[in-house]
Amino acid sequence: MRRALPAFFLVATLLGQDKPAPVRLTALRESPASTVTQEVGISKVEVAFARPTVKGRKIWGDLVPFGEVWRAGANSATVLTLSHPAQVAGRAVPAGTYGFFVIPGPKAWTLILNKKAKQWGAYDYKAEEDLLRWEAVPQSAPFQEVLDYRLVPTHPNQITVELGWERLRVTFPIVFDTRGIYWTHLEERLGKAPDTDWVPWYQAAKYCQEMGLEPAKAKAWITRSLAAGESFWNHETAARIFREASDQAKSLTHLKRAIELSRGKAPKEYTDNLETELKAWEKPTPKP
């Protein structure tokens, strides 16, 4: 037969369970962590790093030795994340998260994407895990006390990554197939869209109309949108699609319906602009 535990033992156990967590201070890092992101179409680039400071030290060739792998920041290795496949410095790189390292030199640097993203410094870095290496020439720049990364949009498909510290800056491009990525997204979403929801079919048709793509599909998708529900948005887009197809009668019919539906629902300026367009569209086309 089991013997009952003494009452004092039970009380002590319960008190132990209520013991508060130990008090600890949050570590104060001299090189604070930072993350910068930039969208390119529906893609995104992210760089996570820590920011060391110069503090009067000689950086290049001293604190950061030439010819040795450097974490391209402080503390944990710098991490570069691509939401979609891209061209990095002209080379194909799959979507994913990578360790970013640098081997500085007096005149040229070797830049590295390593398959092992999460590591402390470069202590466990292994060259055999590199995905990509390329050369870059650093440029002189105004003095910068704290290391920084900038992601600068230079084209609808492209950003330039800038690493700057002390009096040097090194850059490299990242390019996405923005149209191809968006078209894949468009087709995937339409594959899940019900015929009762006018919005996705309108969005797809509007994208085609604005980008000058797939006019036949634009017509089919705007027709499905209108069958699902009327809006001044999808009637306006239908008007533009049929105007570009040289179907004057349908374009005017849809534009008039867009104006009618917009009254009291859209800003007056929007309706006024459509009415101005209607007058211009109704004018006879001059014969050559």
Protein backbone atom coordinates (compact mmCIF):
# COMPACT_ATOMS: atom_id res chain seq x y z
CA MET A 1 0.00 0.00 0.00
CA ARG A 2 1.34 3.43 -1.04
CA ARG A 3 2.08 5.82 1.80
CA ALA A 4 0.79 9.40 1.53
CA LEU A 5 3.42 12.11 1.08
CA PRO A 6 3.90 14.35 4.10
CA ALA A 7 1.95 17.60 3.84
CA PHE A 8 5.08 19.78 4.13
CA PHE A 9 6.60 17.98 1.09
CA LEU A 10 3.53 18.75 -1.01
CA VAL A 11 3.57 22.41 0.03
CA ALA A 12 7.26 22.72 -0.79
CA THR A 13 6.68 21.18 -4.23
CA LEU A 14 3.86 23.60 -5.03
CA LEU A 15 5.90 26.56 -3.87
CA GLY A 16 8.76 25.41 -6.07
CA GLN A 17 6.45 25.38 -9.09
CA ASP A 18 5.56 29.03 -8.44
CA LYS A 19 9.18 30.12 -8.22
CA PRO A 20 9.66 33.17 -10.46
CA ALA A 21 12.03 33.04 -13.44
CA PRO A 22 15.53 34.34 -12.72
CA VAL A 23 16.15 38.00 -13.51
CA ARG A 24 18.50 38.60 -16.44
CA LEU A 25 19.51 41.73 -18.36
CA THR A 26 19.19 41.91 -22.14
CA ALA A 27 22.64 41.84 -23.68
CA LEU A 28 23.78 45.20 -25.04
CA ARG A 29 25.50 44.57 -28.37
CA GLU A 30 28.05 47.07 -29.62
CA SER A 31 27.18 46.06 -33.18
CA PRO A 32 23.35 46.17 -33.32
CA ALA A 33 21.43 43.83 -35.59
CA SER A 34 19.62 45.21 -38.63
CA THR A 35 17.50 43.97 -41.52
CA VAL A 36 16.87 45.79 -44.79
CA THR A 37 14.33 44.67 -47.38
CA GLN A 38 13.26 45.76 -50.83
CA GLU A 39 10.43 44.60 -53.07
CA VAL A 40 10.97 44.06 -56.80
CA GLY A 41 7.58 43.41 -58.39
CA ILE A 42 6.14 40.74 -56.10
CA SER A 43 9.63 39.49 -55.22
CA LYS A 44 11.63 40.56 -52.19
CA VAL A 45 15.30 40.82 -51.23
CA GLU A 46 16.30 40.85 -47.57
CA VAL A 47 19.73 41.38 -45.99
CA ALA A 48 20.15 40.64 -42.25
CA PHE A 49 23.40 41.80 -40.67
CA ALA A 50 25.01 43.47 -37.68
CA ARG A 51 26.57 46.95 -37.82
CA PRO A 52 30.15 47.35 -36.54
CA THR A 53 31.62 50.83 -36.11
CA VAL A 54 35.03 52.20 -37.12
CA LYS A 55 35.86 53.73 -33.71
CA GLY A 56 39.11 55.22 -35.02
CA ARG A 57 40.50 51.87 -36.15
CA LYS A 58 42.16 50.98 -39.45
CA ILE A 59 39.61 48.74 -41.13
CA TRP A 60 40.76 47.40 -44.50
CA GLY A 61 43.84 45.24 -44.33
CA ASP A 62 43.89 45.42 -40.51
CA LEU A 63 40.67 44.87 -38.55
CA VAL A 64 39.34 43.19 -41.71
CA PRO A 65 42.44 41.43 -43.11
CA PHE A 66 43.05 41.15 -46.82
CA GLY A 67 42.83 37.67 -48.27
CA GLU A 68 40.65 36.22 -45.47
CA VAL A 69 36.96 35.36 -45.42
CA TRP A 70 34.95 38.04 -43.61
CA ARG A 71 31.35 37.79 -42.38
CA ALA A 72 30.51 41.08 -44.17
CA GLY A 73 29.29 42.58 -40.90
CA ALA A 74 29.59 41.66 -37.21
CA ASN A 75 28.40 38.85 -34.92
CA SER A 76 26.51 36.26 -36.99
CA ALA A 77 27.31 35.96 -40.67
CA THR A 78 25.38 38.32 -42.93
CA VAL A 79 22.37 36.61 -44.54
CA LEU A 80 20.88 37.31 -47.97
CA THR A 81 17.36 36.03 -48.74
CA LEU A 82 15.70 35.89 -52.18
CA SER A 83 11.98 35.19 -52.33
CA HIS A 84 12.21 34.05 -55.97
CA PRO A 85 14.96 32.84 -58.32
CA ALA A 86 17.16 35.71 -59.50
CA GLN A 87 20.34 36.65 -61.31
CA VAL A 88 22.97 37.75 -58.78
CA ALA A 89 25.88 39.52 -60.45
CA GLY A 90 24.75 37.88 -63.69
CA ARG A 91 24.59 34.31 -62.29
CA ALA A 92 21.44 32.26 -61.72
CA VAL A 93 20.61 31.77 -58.02
CA PRO A 94 17.58 29.79 -56.73
CA ALA A 95 15.18 31.31 -54.23
CA GLY A 96 16.45 30.77 -50.70
CA THR A 97 18.53 32.08 -47.80
CA TYR A 98 22.30 32.26 -48.05
CA GLY A 99 25.30 33.29 -46.01
CA PHE A 100 27.00 36.34 -47.56
CA PHE A 101 30.76 36.56 -47.14
CA VAL A 102 33.53 38.73 -48.56
CA ILE A 103 37.25 38.22 -49.11
CA PRO A 104 38.60 41.80 -49.31
CA GLY A 105 41.77 42.59 -51.23
CA PRO A 106 43.78 45.76 -51.84
CA LYS A 107 42.20 46.23 -55.28
CA ALA A 108 39.44 43.64 -55.80
CA TRP A 109 37.12 41.69 -53.52
CA THR A 110 35.68 38.21 -53.82
CA LEU A 111 31.98 38.11 -52.91
CA ILE A 112 30.43 34.82 -51.84
CA LEU A 113 27.00 33.26 -51.43
CA ASN A 114 27.28 30.23 -49.18
CA LYS A 115 24.61 27.54 -48.82
CA LYS A 116 24.92 27.59 -45.01
CA ALA A 117 23.03 30.69 -43.97
CA LYS A 118 23.04 30.48 -40.18
CA GLN A 119 26.53 30.55 -38.69
CA TRP A 120 28.49 32.65 -36.24
CA GLY A 121 31.03 34.80 -37.99
CA ALA A 122 33.11 32.90 -40.53
CA TYR A 123 34.53 30.38 -38.07
CA ASP A 124 32.59 27.45 -39.54
CA TYR A 125 32.70 28.71 -43.11
CA LYS A 126 33.53 26.01 -45.69
CA ALA A 127 34.39 26.90 -49.27
CA GLU A 128 32.90 23.61 -50.50
CA GLU A 129 29.49 24.91 -49.40
CA ASP A 130 29.74 27.98 -51.64
CA LEU A 131 26.95 28.39 -54.16
CA LEU A 132 28.54 31.30 -55.97
CA ARG A 133 31.67 33.44 -56.02
CA TRP A 134 32.30 36.57 -58.08
CA GLU A 135 34.70 39.49 -58.20
CA ALA A 136 33.87 43.13 -57.47
CA VAL A 137 36.01 46.25 -57.33
CA PRO A 138 35.32 48.50 -54.30
CA GLN A 139 34.89 52.22 -54.89
CA SER A 140 35.93 55.18 -52.76
CA ALA A 141 33.05 56.70 -50.81
CA PRO A 142 32.45 59.39 -48.17
CA PHE A 143 33.41 58.29 -44.66
CA GLN A 144 30.85 56.06 -42.98
CA GLU A 145 31.33 55.30 -39.28
CA VAL A 146 28.78 52.48 -39.11
CA LEU A 147 28.61 49.63 -41.62
CA ASP A 148 25.49 49.81 -43.76
CA TYR A 149 23.67 47.94 -46.51
CA ARG A 150 21.40 49.67 -49.00
CA LEU A 151 19.05 48.03 -51.48
CA VAL A 152 18.56 50.54 -54.28
CA PRO A 153 15.90 49.97 -56.99
CA THR A 154 17.45 50.74 -60.38
CA HIS A 155 14.82 49.17 -62.70
CA PRO A 156 11.41 47.46 -62.32
CA ASN A 157 13.33 44.15 -62.49
CA GLN A 158 16.48 45.05 -60.58
CA ILE A 159 18.06 46.38 -57.39
CA THR A 160 21.65 47.21 -56.54
CA VAL A 161 22.99 45.93 -53.23
CA GLU A 162 25.45 48.35 -51.63
CA LEU A 163 27.78 47.46 -48.76
CA GLY A 164 29.46 50.56 -47.37
CA TRP A 165 31.87 51.03 -44.48
CA GLU A 166 34.68 53.40 -43.61
CA ARG A 167 35.68 54.93 -46.97
CA LEU A 168 34.81 52.04 -49.30
CA ARG A 169 31.68 50.83 -50.99
CA VAL A 170 31.10 47.66 -53.02
CA THR A 171 27.98 46.97 -55.08
CA PHE A 172 26.36 44.18 -57.08
CA PRO A 173 23.06 43.77 -58.97
CA ILE A 174 20.16 41.39 -58.32
CA VAL A 175 17.75 40.93 -61.24
CA PHE A 176 14.39 39.13 -61.22
CA ASP A 177 12.27 37.95 -64.14
CA THR A 178 9.49 40.16 -62.83
CA ARG A 179 7.02 39.52 -65.64
CA GLY A 180 7.59 35.77 -65.64
CA ILE A 181 7.26 35.56 -61.86
CA TYR A 182 4.07 37.62 -61.90
CA TRP A 183 2.55 35.58 -64.74
CA THR A 184 3.15 32.37 -62.79
CA HIS A 185 1.51 34.00 -59.76
CA LEU A 186 -1.41 35.17 -61.90
CA GLU A 187 -2.08 31.71 -63.37
CA GLU A 188 -1.77 30.02 -59.96
CA ARG A 189 -4.29 32.41 -58.40
CA LEU A 190 -6.75 32.16 -61.28
CA GLY A 191 -6.54 28.39 -61.00
CA LYS A 192 -8.10 28.75 -57.54
CA ALA A 193 -10.52 31.59 -58.34
CA PRO A 194 -14.28 30.84 -58.39
CA ASP A 195 -16.48 32.08 -61.23
CA THR A 196 -18.58 33.94 -58.64
CA ASP A 197 -15.79 36.40 -57.68
CA TRP A 198 -15.31 39.20 -60.21
CA VAL A 199 -12.12 40.61 -58.64
CA PRO A 200 -9.33 38.16 -59.64
CA TRP A 201 -10.54 37.94 -63.26
CA TYR A 202 -10.65 41.74 -63.41
CA GLN A 203 -7.16 42.00 -61.89
CA ALA A 204 -5.74 39.57 -64.44
CA ALA A 205 -7.44 41.32 -67.37
CA LYS A 206 -6.30 44.74 -66.13
CA TYR A 207 -2.70 43.51 -65.82
CA CYS A 208 -2.77 42.27 -69.42
CA GLN A 209 -4.31 45.52 -70.66
CA GLU A 210 -1.81 47.74 -68.85
CA MET A 211 1.20 45.65 -69.88
CA GLY A 212 0.07 45.07 -73.46
CA LEU A 213 0.00 41.29 -73.00
CA GLU A 214 -2.29 38.47 -74.22
CA PRO A 215 -5.23 40.52 -75.60
CA ALA A 216 -7.32 37.38 -76.21
CA LYS A 217 -6.93 36.28 -72.60
CA ALA A 218 -7.65 39.82 -71.41
CA LYS A 219 -11.00 39.71 -73.26
CA ALA A 220 -11.87 36.28 -71.87
CA TRP A 221 -10.95 37.23 -68.30
CA ILE A 222 -12.81 40.55 -68.30
CA THR A 223 -15.86 38.76 -69.69
CA ARG A 224 -15.72 36.27 -66.79
CA SER A 225 -15.31 39.16 -64.35
CA LEU A 226 -18.40 40.95 -65.69
CA ALA A 227 -20.41 37.72 -65.59
CA ALA A 228 -19.52 37.36 -61.88
CA GLY A 229 -20.46 40.91 -60.95
CA GLU A 230 -20.55 44.45 -62.28
CA SER A 231 -18.29 47.23 -61.04
CA PHE A 232 -17.15 50.52 -62.49
CA TRP A 233 -13.65 49.05 -62.23
CA ASN A 234 -14.23 46.07 -64.50
CA HIS A 235 -16.41 48.05 -66.94
CA GLU A 236 -13.66 50.66 -67.31
CA THR A 237 -11.07 47.95 -67.97
CA ALA A 238 -13.43 46.27 -70.46
CA ALA A 239 -13.81 49.60 -72.24
CA ARG A 240 -10.05 49.93 -72.63
CA ILE A 241 -9.60 46.32 -73.75
CA PHE A 242 -12.25 46.61 -76.47
CA ARG A 243 -10.99 50.02 -77.56
CA GLU A 244 -7.53 48.54 -78.09
CA ALA A 245 -9.22 45.76 -80.07
CA SER A 246 -10.84 48.47 -82.29
CA ASP A 247 -14.35 47.50 -81.15
CA GLN A 248 -15.77 51.01 -80.85
CA ALA A 249 -19.32 49.99 -79.98
CA LYS A 250 -18.38 47.72 -77.06
CA SER A 251 -15.76 50.13 -75.73
CA LEU A 252 -18.30 52.97 -75.56
CA THR A 253 -20.97 50.74 -74.01
CA HIS A 254 -18.62 49.66 -71.21
CA LEU A 255 -17.27 53.16 -70.60
CA LYS A 256 -20.82 54.57 -70.28
CA ARG A 257 -21.69 51.80 -67.83
CA ALA A 258 -18.52 52.53 -65.80
CA ILE A 259 -19.56 56.19 -65.57
CA GLU A 260 -23.07 55.24 -64.49
CA LEU A 261 -21.87 52.86 -61.77
CA SER A 262 -19.21 55.26 -60.49
CA ARG A 263 -21.62 58.10 -59.66
CA GLY A 264 -21.94 58.40 -55.90
CA LYS A 265 -19.48 55.54 -55.32
CA ALA A 266 -16.19 56.81 -56.71
CA PRO A 267 -14.54 60.22 -56.21
CA LYS A 268 -16.13 62.86 -58.46
CA GLU A 269 -12.77 63.44 -60.14
CA TYR A 270 -12.72 59.79 -61.29
CA THR A 271 -16.18 60.11 -62.89
CA ASP A 272 -15.29 63.46 -64.46
CA ASN A 273 -12.17 61.96 -66.03
CA LEU A 274 -14.17 59.09 -67.51
CA GLU A 275 -16.70 61.54 -68.95
CA THR A 276 -13.88 63.53 -70.54
CA GLU A 277 -12.53 60.32 -72.07
CA LEU A 278 -15.99 59.39 -73.33
CA LYS A 279 -16.28 62.66 -75.27
CA ALA A 280 -12.88 62.06 -76.82
CA TRP A 281 -13.72 58.47 -77.73
CA GLU A 282 -17.03 59.47 -79.32
CA LYS A 283 -15.34 61.80 -81.79
CA PRO A 284 -15.10 60.28 -85.28
CA THR A 285 -11.69 58.91 -86.14
CA PRO A 286 -10.14 61.05 -88.88
CA LYS A 287 -9.78 59.19 -92.15
CA PRO A 288 -6.23 58.90 -93.49
